[in-house]
Amino acid sequence: MFGYEPEFVVCGDARIAYYDVGRGKPLVLLHGNGEDGSYFTAQIEYFSKSYRVIAIDTRGHGKSPR
């Protein structure tokens, strides 16, 4: 997608994609409506040097199906 491969979590009937990059204290990035995790490409690259960055594709966005 944008240089990172998603992992998936299944909760009920939802299969949610997320990107887990880096190590350290977790930093969760949530995109706005109509976007996906690729919105945070620059932030993931920067913050993953010091943090465990988790960027989520919400349902129906990016790699997360409706």
N, C-alpha and C. Protein backbone atom coordinates (compact mmCIF):
# COMPACT_ATOMS: atom_id res chain seq x y z
N MET A 1 0.83 -1.19 0.00
CA MET A 1 0.00 0.00 0.00
C MET A 1 0.87 1.24 0.00
N PHE A 2 1.60 1.45 1.07
CA PHE A 2 2.44 2.64 1.16
C PHE A 2 3.77 2.31 1.81
N GLY A 3 4.23 1.09 1.59
CA GLY A 3 5.51 0.66 2.14
C GLY A 3 5.40 -0.17 3.40
N TYR A 4 4.21 -0.33 3.93
CA TYR A 4 3.99 -1.14 5.13
C TYR A 4 2.94 -2.19 4.83
N GLU A 5 3.13 -3.38 5.37
CA GLU A 5 2.16 -4.46 5.18
C GLU A 5 1.24 -4.51 6.39
N PRO A 6 -0.07 -4.62 6.15
CA PRO A 6 -1.00 -4.65 7.28
C PRO A 6 -1.04 -6.00 7.98
N GLU A 7 -1.42 -5.93 9.23
CA GLU A 7 -1.82 -7.11 10.00
C GLU A 7 -3.32 -6.95 10.18
N PHE A 8 -4.00 -8.01 10.61
CA PHE A 8 -5.45 -7.93 10.75
C PHE A 8 -5.89 -8.46 12.10
N VAL A 9 -6.96 -7.87 12.61
CA VAL A 9 -7.62 -8.37 13.81
C VAL A 9 -9.08 -8.57 13.43
N VAL A 10 -9.67 -9.68 13.91
CA VAL A 10 -11.07 -9.97 13.62
C VAL A 10 -11.86 -9.80 14.91
N CYS A 11 -12.92 -9.02 14.81
CA CYS A 11 -13.79 -8.78 15.96
C CYS A 11 -15.23 -8.87 15.45
N GLY A 12 -15.93 -9.91 15.83
CA GLY A 12 -17.27 -10.13 15.30
C GLY A 12 -17.18 -10.36 13.80
N ASP A 13 -17.93 -9.57 13.02
CA ASP A 13 -17.90 -9.72 11.57
C ASP A 13 -16.94 -8.72 10.91
N ALA A 14 -16.19 -7.99 11.70
CA ALA A 14 -15.26 -7.00 11.17
C ALA A 14 -13.84 -7.56 11.10
N ARG A 15 -13.16 -7.29 9.98
CA ARG A 15 -11.74 -7.65 9.81
C ARG A 15 -11.00 -6.33 9.63
N ILE A 16 -10.32 -5.89 10.66
CA ILE A 16 -9.71 -4.56 10.69
C ILE A 16 -8.21 -4.66 10.43
N ALA A 17 -7.74 -3.87 9.45
CA ALA A 17 -6.31 -3.82 9.12
C ALA A 17 -5.63 -2.78 10.00
N TYR A 18 -4.41 -3.10 10.39
CA TYR A 18 -3.61 -2.13 11.15
C TYR A 18 -2.15 -2.33 10.80
N TYR A 19 -1.39 -1.30 11.03
CA TYR A 19 0.05 -1.30 10.75
C TYR A 19 0.75 -1.10 12.08
N ASP A 20 1.68 -1.97 12.39
CA ASP A 20 2.38 -1.98 13.67
C ASP A 20 3.87 -1.84 13.36
N VAL A 21 4.42 -0.65 13.59
CA VAL A 21 5.79 -0.34 13.17
C VAL A 21 6.55 0.26 14.34
N GLY A 22 7.78 -0.18 14.56
CA GLY A 22 8.64 0.38 15.60
C GLY A 22 8.51 -0.33 16.92
N ARG A 23 9.25 0.20 17.91
CA ARG A 23 9.27 -0.37 19.25
C ARG A 23 9.24 0.75 20.26
N GLY A 24 8.72 0.45 21.44
CA GLY A 24 8.66 1.43 22.51
C GLY A 24 7.23 1.61 22.99
N LYS A 25 6.96 2.74 23.62
CA LYS A 25 5.60 3.03 24.07
C LYS A 25 4.70 3.15 22.85
N PRO A 26 3.45 2.66 22.96
CA PRO A 26 2.56 2.70 21.80
C PRO A 26 2.04 4.11 21.51
N LEU A 27 1.94 4.40 20.22
CA LEU A 27 1.35 5.64 19.72
C LEU A 27 0.33 5.21 18.67
N VAL A 28 -0.95 5.45 18.93
CA VAL A 28 -2.02 5.01 18.04
C VAL A 28 -2.44 6.18 17.16
N LEU A 29 -2.48 5.94 15.84
CA LEU A 29 -2.89 6.97 14.88
C LEU A 29 -4.22 6.56 14.25
N LEU A 30 -5.21 7.44 14.34
CA LEU A 30 -6.53 7.19 13.77
C LEU A 30 -6.81 8.22 12.69
N HIS A 31 -7.10 7.77 11.49
CA HIS A 31 -7.34 8.69 10.37
C HIS A 31 -8.78 9.20 10.39
N GLY A 32 -9.02 10.24 9.63
CA GLY A 32 -10.36 10.80 9.48
C GLY A 32 -11.16 10.04 8.43
N ASN A 33 -12.42 10.40 8.30
CA ASN A 33 -13.30 9.75 7.33
C ASN A 33 -12.81 10.00 5.91
N GLY A 34 -12.78 8.95 5.10
CA GLY A 34 -12.33 9.05 3.73
C GLY A 34 -10.84 8.86 3.55
N GLU A 35 -10.10 8.68 4.61
CA GLU A 35 -8.65 8.46 4.55
C GLU A 35 -8.36 7.01 4.92
N ASP A 36 -7.08 6.68 5.01
CA ASP A 36 -6.64 5.38 5.50
C ASP A 36 -5.27 5.56 6.14
N GLY A 37 -4.65 4.46 6.56
CA GLY A 37 -3.38 4.54 7.25
C GLY A 37 -2.27 5.21 6.47
N SER A 38 -2.37 5.20 5.14
CA SER A 38 -1.33 5.83 4.32
C SER A 38 -1.26 7.33 4.54
N TYR A 39 -2.30 7.91 5.09
CA TYR A 39 -2.32 9.34 5.42
C TYR A 39 -1.15 9.69 6.36
N PHE A 40 -0.73 8.71 7.15
CA PHE A 40 0.29 8.93 8.17
C PHE A 40 1.69 8.47 7.77
N THR A 41 1.96 8.30 6.50
CA THR A 41 3.25 7.78 6.06
C THR A 41 4.42 8.52 6.70
N ALA A 42 4.45 9.83 6.62
CA ALA A 42 5.56 10.61 7.18
C ALA A 42 5.62 10.49 8.70
N GLN A 43 4.46 10.49 9.35
CA GLN A 43 4.43 10.38 10.81
C GLN A 43 4.90 9.00 11.27
N ILE A 44 4.52 7.95 10.55
CA ILE A 44 4.96 6.60 10.91
C ILE A 44 6.47 6.50 10.80
N GLU A 45 7.03 6.99 9.71
CA GLU A 45 8.48 6.94 9.53
C GLU A 45 9.20 7.69 10.65
N TYR A 46 8.70 8.86 11.02
CA TYR A 46 9.35 9.68 12.04
C TYR A 46 9.20 9.07 13.44
N PHE A 47 7.96 8.79 13.84
CA PHE A 47 7.71 8.35 15.21
C PHE A 47 8.13 6.91 15.48
N SER A 48 8.20 6.07 14.46
CA SER A 48 8.58 4.67 14.69
C SER A 48 10.03 4.52 15.12
N LYS A 49 10.81 5.58 15.03
CA LYS A 49 12.19 5.54 15.52
C LYS A 49 12.23 5.50 17.05
N SER A 50 11.18 6.02 17.70
CA SER A 50 11.16 6.09 19.16
C SER A 50 9.94 5.42 19.79
N TYR A 51 8.92 5.12 18.99
CA TYR A 51 7.67 4.58 19.51
C TYR A 51 7.23 3.36 18.71
N ARG A 52 6.34 2.60 19.29
CA ARG A 52 5.62 1.56 18.56
C ARG A 52 4.38 2.24 17.98
N VAL A 53 4.37 2.46 16.69
CA VAL A 53 3.28 3.19 16.04
C VAL A 53 2.27 2.19 15.50
N ILE A 54 1.01 2.38 15.87
CA ILE A 54 -0.08 1.54 15.40
C ILE A 54 -1.05 2.44 14.66
N ALA A 55 -1.17 2.23 13.35
CA ALA A 55 -2.09 3.01 12.51
C ALA A 55 -3.18 2.07 12.03
N ILE A 56 -4.42 2.45 12.25
CA ILE A 56 -5.56 1.59 11.98
C ILE A 56 -6.30 2.07 10.74
N ASP A 57 -6.67 1.12 9.86
CA ASP A 57 -7.60 1.42 8.77
C ASP A 57 -8.99 1.11 9.30
N THR A 58 -9.80 2.12 9.54
CA THR A 58 -11.14 1.87 10.07
C THR A 58 -11.98 1.12 9.05
N ARG A 59 -13.06 0.55 9.52
CA ARG A 59 -13.93 -0.29 8.69
C ARG A 59 -14.33 0.45 7.41
N GLY A 60 -14.13 -0.22 6.27
CA GLY A 60 -14.49 0.34 4.98
C GLY A 60 -13.46 1.30 4.40
N HIS A 61 -12.29 1.39 5.01
CA HIS A 61 -11.22 2.28 4.55
C HIS A 61 -9.94 1.48 4.38
N GLY A 62 -9.13 1.85 3.39
CA GLY A 62 -7.86 1.17 3.17
C GLY A 62 -8.05 -0.32 2.98
N LYS A 63 -7.35 -1.12 3.76
CA LYS A 63 -7.41 -2.58 3.65
C LYS A 63 -8.49 -3.22 4.50
N SER A 64 -9.27 -2.41 5.24
CA SER A 64 -10.36 -2.96 6.07
C SER A 64 -11.66 -2.96 5.28
N PRO A 65 -12.20 -4.14 5.00
CA PRO A 65 -13.46 -4.19 4.24
C PRO A 65 -14.63 -3.69 5.08
N ARG A 66 -15.72 -3.36 4.38
CA ARG A 66 -16.94 -2.94 5.08
C ARG A 66 -17.47 -4.07 5.91
